């Protein structure tokens, strides 16, 4: 089994992914798990501390300030291309979104390659990336029953 875990930005996104990676490896020592995370120092240090294989990409949110939009678009295109290439080379069976800006472009790239995506939502109110990706996900796993209404499900 080859699994991409994509997300980051905060420990609230990373730590559930780390727990998931550890459990996957405990259940199947031959499983190959690759994190695609942001490039902030906290993300790099945390994943290194747990000895997890990771690719770090720029993952910046879209600002409401129009002056920053050109730089965001250039960065988004670069990150999407890097994500697409990484997923092509890794060949995952599934891509799991952990939330945060770092999850969005890797999961878009996975979906473009017809790799099933699964979303893990740890918060009562889902973040933007998770809400936008939910219609394309094979599964959305929510910790809180109240979260379900944010995905258009009754």
C-alpha atoms as a PDB file:
ATOM      1  CA  UNK A   1       0.000   0.000   0.000  1.00  0.00           C
ATOM      2  CA  UNK A   2       1.290   3.451  -0.954  1.00  0.00           C
ATOM      3  CA  UNK A   3      -0.328   6.389   0.815  1.00  0.00           C
ATOM      4  CA  UNK A   4       0.074  10.152   0.525  1.00  0.00           C
ATOM      5  CA  UNK A   5      -0.798  12.183   3.626  1.00  0.00           C
ATOM      6  CA  UNK A   6      -1.185  15.832   2.609  1.00  0.00           C
ATOM      7  CA  UNK A   7      -1.641  18.767   4.911  1.00  0.00           C
ATOM      8  CA  UNK A   8      -0.122  20.932   7.532  1.00  0.00           C
ATOM      9  CA  UNK A   9       0.291  24.457   8.688  1.00  0.00           C
ATOM     10  CA  UNK A  10      -0.495  23.626  12.306  1.00  0.00           C
ATOM     11  CA  UNK A  11       0.035  20.761  14.700  1.00  0.00           C
ATOM     12  CA  UNK A  12      -3.727  20.253  14.587  1.00  0.00           C
ATOM     13  CA  UNK A  13      -3.336  19.065  10.998  1.00  0.00           C
ATOM     14  CA  UNK A  14       0.026  17.324  11.317  1.00  0.00           C
ATOM     15  CA  UNK A  15      -0.413  15.318  14.520  1.00  0.00           C
ATOM     16  CA  UNK A  16      -3.474  13.305  13.356  1.00  0.00           C
ATOM     17  CA  UNK A  17      -1.540  12.535  10.167  1.00  0.00           C
ATOM     18  CA  UNK A  18       1.479  11.415  12.169  1.00  0.00           C
ATOM     19  CA  UNK A  19      -0.759   9.172  14.291  1.00  0.00           C
ATOM     20  CA  UNK A  20      -2.306   7.774  11.105  1.00  0.00           C
ATOM     21  CA  UNK A  21       1.129   7.112   9.567  1.00  0.00           C
ATOM     22  CA  UNK A  22       2.292   5.319  12.708  1.00  0.00           C
ATOM     23  CA  UNK A  23      -0.826   3.149  12.815  1.00  0.00           C
ATOM     24  CA  UNK A  24      -0.575   2.300   9.111  1.00  0.00           C
ATOM     25  CA  UNK A  25       3.054   1.236   9.582  1.00  0.00           C
ATOM     26  CA  UNK A  26       2.146  -0.776  12.700  1.00  0.00           C
ATOM     27  CA  UNK A  27      -0.594  -2.613  10.800  1.00  0.00           C
ATOM     28  CA  UNK A  28       1.439  -3.037   7.601  1.00  0.00           C
ATOM     29  CA  UNK A  29       5.204  -2.569   7.992  1.00  0.00           C
ATOM     30  CA  UNK A  30       5.565  -2.765   4.188  1.00  0.00           C
ATOM     31  CA  UNK A  31       3.242   0.206   3.609  1.00  0.00           C
ATOM     32  CA  UNK A  32       4.945   3.258   2.139  1.00  0.00           C
ATOM     33  CA  UNK A  33       3.667   6.552   3.556  1.00  0.00           C
ATOM     34  CA  UNK A  34       4.744   9.920   2.136  1.00  0.00           C
ATOM     35  CA  UNK A  35       3.791  13.242   3.692  1.00  0.00           C
ATOM     36  CA  UNK A  36       3.305  16.279   1.514  1.00  0.00           C
ATOM     37  CA  UNK A  37       3.436  19.171   3.939  1.00  0.00           C
ATOM     38  CA  UNK A  38       4.111  22.876   4.015  1.00  0.00           C
ATOM     39  CA  UNK A  39       7.601  24.304   4.195  1.00  0.00           C
ATOM     40  CA  UNK A  40       7.354  26.075   7.535  1.00  0.00           C
ATOM     41  CA  UNK A  41      10.047  25.283  10.081  1.00  0.00           C
ATOM     42  CA  UNK A  42       7.541  23.706  12.507  1.00  0.00           C
ATOM     43  CA  UNK A  43       6.327  21.260   9.849  1.00  0.00           C
ATOM     44  CA  UNK A  44       9.847  20.297   8.798  1.00  0.00           C
ATOM     45  CA  UNK A  45      11.044  19.830  12.404  1.00  0.00           C
ATOM     46  CA  UNK A  46       7.972  17.875  13.491  1.00  0.00           C
ATOM     47  CA  UNK A  47       8.025  15.391  10.618  1.00  0.00           C
ATOM     48  CA  UNK A  48      11.801  14.954  10.964  1.00  0.00           C
ATOM     49  CA  UNK A  49      11.408  14.289  14.701  1.00  0.00           C
ATOM     50  CA  UNK A  50       9.075  11.383  13.927  1.00  0.00           C
ATOM     51  CA  UNK A  51      11.347  10.093  11.161  1.00  0.00           C
ATOM     52  CA  UNK A  52       8.645  10.391   8.501  1.00  0.00           C
ATOM     53  CA  UNK A  53       9.387  10.735   4.811  1.00  0.00           C
ATOM     54  CA  UNK A  54       8.162  14.119   3.634  1.00  0.00           C
ATOM     55  CA  UNK A  55       8.170  16.490   0.708  1.00  0.00           C
ATOM     56  CA  UNK A  56       7.787  20.132   1.743  1.00  0.00           C
ATOM     57  CA  UNK A  57       6.071  22.613  -0.557  1.00  0.00           C
ATOM     58  CA  UNK A  58       5.101  26.245  -0.346  1.00  0.00           C
ATOM     59  CA  UNK A  59       1.503  26.456   0.852  1.00  0.00           C
ATOM     60  CA  UNK A  60       0.279  29.996   1.313  1.00  0.00           C
ATOM     61  CA  UNK A  61      -3.348  31.045   1.679  1.00  0.00           C
ATOM     62  CA  UNK A  62      -5.012  33.394  -0.767  1.00  0.00           C
ATOM     63  CA  UNK A  63      -4.957  36.830   0.804  1.00  0.00           C
ATOM     64  CA  UNK A  64      -7.762  39.343   0.456  1.00  0.00           C
ATOM     65  CA  UNK A  65      -5.133  41.895  -0.605  1.00  0.00           C
ATOM     66  CA  UNK A  66      -5.160  42.014  -4.454  1.00  0.00           C
ATOM     67  CA  UNK A  67      -1.524  43.149  -4.488  1.00  0.00           C
ATOM     68  CA  UNK A  68      -0.509  39.634  -3.378  1.00  0.00           C
ATOM     69  CA  UNK A  69      -2.611  37.776  -5.964  1.00  0.00           C
ATOM     70  CA  UNK A  70      -0.007  37.575  -8.748  1.00  0.00           C
ATOM     71  CA  UNK A  71       2.552  36.045  -6.360  1.00  0.00           C
ATOM     72  CA  UNK A  72      -0.109  33.642  -5.053  1.00  0.00           C
ATOM     73  CA  UNK A  73      -1.017  32.498  -8.583  1.00  0.00           C
ATOM     74  CA  UNK A  74       2.636  31.936  -9.510  1.00  0.00           C
ATOM     75  CA  UNK A  75       3.197  29.989  -6.275  1.00  0.00           C
ATOM     76  CA  UNK A  76      -0.006  27.992  -6.762  1.00  0.00           C
ATOM     77  CA  UNK A  77       0.969  26.924 -10.276  1.00  0.00           C
ATOM     78  CA  UNK A  78       4.436  25.929  -9.062  1.00  0.00           C
ATOM     79  CA  UNK A  79       3.009  23.955  -6.125  1.00  0.00           C
ATOM     80  CA  UNK A  80       0.410  22.210  -8.303  1.00  0.00           C
ATOM     81  CA  UNK A  81       3.107  21.187 -10.805  1.00  0.00           C
ATOM     82  CA  UNK A  82       5.393  19.936  -8.025  1.00  0.00           C
ATOM     83  CA  UNK A  83       2.469  18.049  -6.445  1.00  0.00           C
ATOM     84  CA  UNK A  84       1.521  16.454  -9.760  1.00  0.00           C
ATOM     85  CA  UNK A  85       5.108  15.344 -10.378  1.00  0.00           C
ATOM     86  CA  UNK A  86       5.500  13.986  -6.826  1.00  0.00           C
ATOM     87  CA  UNK A  87       2.271  11.997  -7.057  1.00  0.00           C
ATOM     88  CA  UNK A  88       3.178  10.652 -10.490  1.00  0.00           C
ATOM     89  CA  UNK A  89       6.569   9.471  -9.225  1.00  0.00           C
ATOM     90  CA  UNK A  90       5.255   8.055  -5.929  1.00  0.00           C
ATOM     91  CA  UNK A  91       2.211   6.299  -7.419  1.00  0.00           C
ATOM     92  CA  UNK A  92      -0.088   6.276  -4.369  1.00  0.00           C
ATOM     93  CA  UNK A  93      -3.111   4.035  -3.968  1.00  0.00           C
ATOM     94  CA  UNK A  94      -4.861   6.792  -2.019  1.00  0.00           C
ATOM     95  CA  UNK A  95      -4.241  10.398  -0.950  1.00  0.00           C
ATOM     96  CA  UNK A  96      -5.470  11.524   2.458  1.00  0.00           C
ATOM     97  CA  UNK A  97      -6.097  15.209   3.142  1.00  0.00           C
ATOM     98  CA  UNK A  98      -5.321  16.339   6.670  1.00  0.00           C
ATOM     99  CA  UNK A  99      -6.486  19.912   6.155  1.00  0.00           C
ATOM    100  CA  UNK A 100      -4.712  23.194   5.849  1.00  0.00           C
ATOM    101  CA  UNK A 101      -3.349  24.994   2.812  1.00  0.00           C
ATOM    102  CA  UNK A 102      -0.746  22.278   2.319  1.00  0.00           C
ATOM    103  CA  UNK A 103      -3.463  19.738   1.533  1.00  0.00           C
ATOM    104  CA  UNK A 104      -5.192  21.549  -1.315  1.00  0.00           C
ATOM    105  CA  UNK A 105      -2.858  21.316  -4.335  1.00  0.00           C
ATOM    106  CA  UNK A 106      -1.559  17.796  -3.637  1.00  0.00           C
ATOM    107  CA  UNK A 107      -5.147  16.544  -3.462  1.00  0.00           C
ATOM    108  CA  UNK A 108      -6.110  18.402  -6.624  1.00  0.00           C
ATOM    109  CA  UNK A 109      -3.124  16.749  -8.331  1.00  0.00           C
ATOM    110  CA  UNK A 110      -4.182  13.339  -6.991  1.00  0.00           C
ATOM    111  CA  UNK A 111      -7.737  13.835  -8.204  1.00  0.00           C
ATOM    112  CA  UNK A 112      -6.484  14.873 -11.658  1.00  0.00           C
ATOM    113  CA  UNK A 113      -4.644  11.550 -11.788  1.00  0.00           C
ATOM    114  CA  UNK A 114      -7.734   9.634 -10.675  1.00  0.00           C
ATOM    115  CA  UNK A 115      -6.184   8.708  -7.323  1.00  0.00           C
ATOM    116  CA  UNK A 116      -8.957   8.359  -4.712  1.00  0.00           C
ATOM    117  CA  UNK A 117      -8.873  11.069  -2.072  1.00  0.00           C
ATOM    118  CA  UNK A 118     -10.069  10.778   1.505  1.00  0.00           C
ATOM    119  CA  UNK A 119     -10.465  13.782   3.783  1.00  0.00           C
ATOM    120  CA  UNK A 120      -9.868  13.750   7.528  1.00  0.00           C
ATOM    121  CA  UNK A 121     -11.610  16.613   9.314  1.00  0.00           C
ATOM    122  CA  UNK A 122     -10.622  17.080  12.942  1.00  0.00           C
ATOM    123  CA  UNK A 123     -12.515  20.336  13.563  1.00  0.00           C
ATOM    124  CA  UNK A 124     -16.193  21.022  14.173  1.00  0.00           C
ATOM    125  CA  UNK A 125     -16.123  23.655  11.431  1.00  0.00           C
ATOM    126  CA  UNK A 126     -14.185  22.328   8.436  1.00  0.00           C
ATOM    127  CA  UNK A 127     -11.518  24.511   6.902  1.00  0.00           C
ATOM    128  CA  UNK A 128     -11.648  25.976   3.399  1.00  0.00           C
ATOM    129  CA  UNK A 129      -9.433  23.343   1.778  1.00  0.00           C
ATOM    130  CA  UNK A 130     -11.516  20.474   3.130  1.00  0.00           C
ATOM    131  CA  UNK A 131     -14.840  22.106   2.205  1.00  0.00           C
ATOM    132  CA  UNK A 132     -13.655  22.802  -1.342  1.00  0.00           C
ATOM    133  CA  UNK A 133     -12.287  19.280  -1.841  1.00  0.00           C
ATOM    134  CA  UNK A 134     -15.193  17.389  -0.236  1.00  0.00           C
ATOM    135  CA  UNK A 135     -17.290  17.038  -3.422  1.00  0.00           C
ATOM    136  CA  UNK A 136     -14.388  15.192  -5.058  1.00  0.00           C
ATOM    137  CA  UNK A 137     -13.547  12.909  -2.133  1.00  0.00           C
ATOM    138  CA  UNK A 138     -14.337   9.207  -1.980  1.00  0.00           C
ATOM    139  CA  UNK A 139     -14.831   9.631   1.774  1.00  0.00           C
ATOM    140  CA  UNK A 140     -14.890  12.404   4.381  1.00  0.00           C
ATOM    141  CA  UNK A 141     -14.108  11.278   7.939  1.00  0.00           C
ATOM    142  CA  UNK A 142     -15.349  13.694  10.599  1.00  0.00           C
ATOM    143  CA  UNK A 143     -14.597  13.549  14.290  1.00  0.00           C
ATOM    144  CA  UNK A 144     -17.671  15.585  15.226  1.00  0.00           C
ATOM    145  CA  UNK A 145     -21.247  14.810  14.061  1.00  0.00           C
ATOM    146  CA  UNK A 146     -21.885  18.579  13.795  1.00  0.00           C
ATOM    147  CA  UNK A 147     -19.275  18.805  11.021  1.00  0.00           C
ATOM    148  CA  UNK A 148     -21.408  16.862   8.582  1.00  0.00           C
ATOM    149  CA  UNK A 149     -23.793  19.776   7.898  1.00  0.00           C
ATOM    150  CA  UNK A 150     -20.896  21.804   6.471  1.00  0.00           C
ATOM    151  CA  UNK A 151     -20.557  19.287   3.634  1.00  0.00           C
ATOM    152  CA  UNK A 152     -24.137  19.634   2.363  1.00  0.00           C
ATOM    153  CA  UNK A 153     -25.232  16.313   3.863  1.00  0.00           C
ATOM    154  CA  UNK A 154     -28.400  16.097   5.948  1.00  0.00           C
END
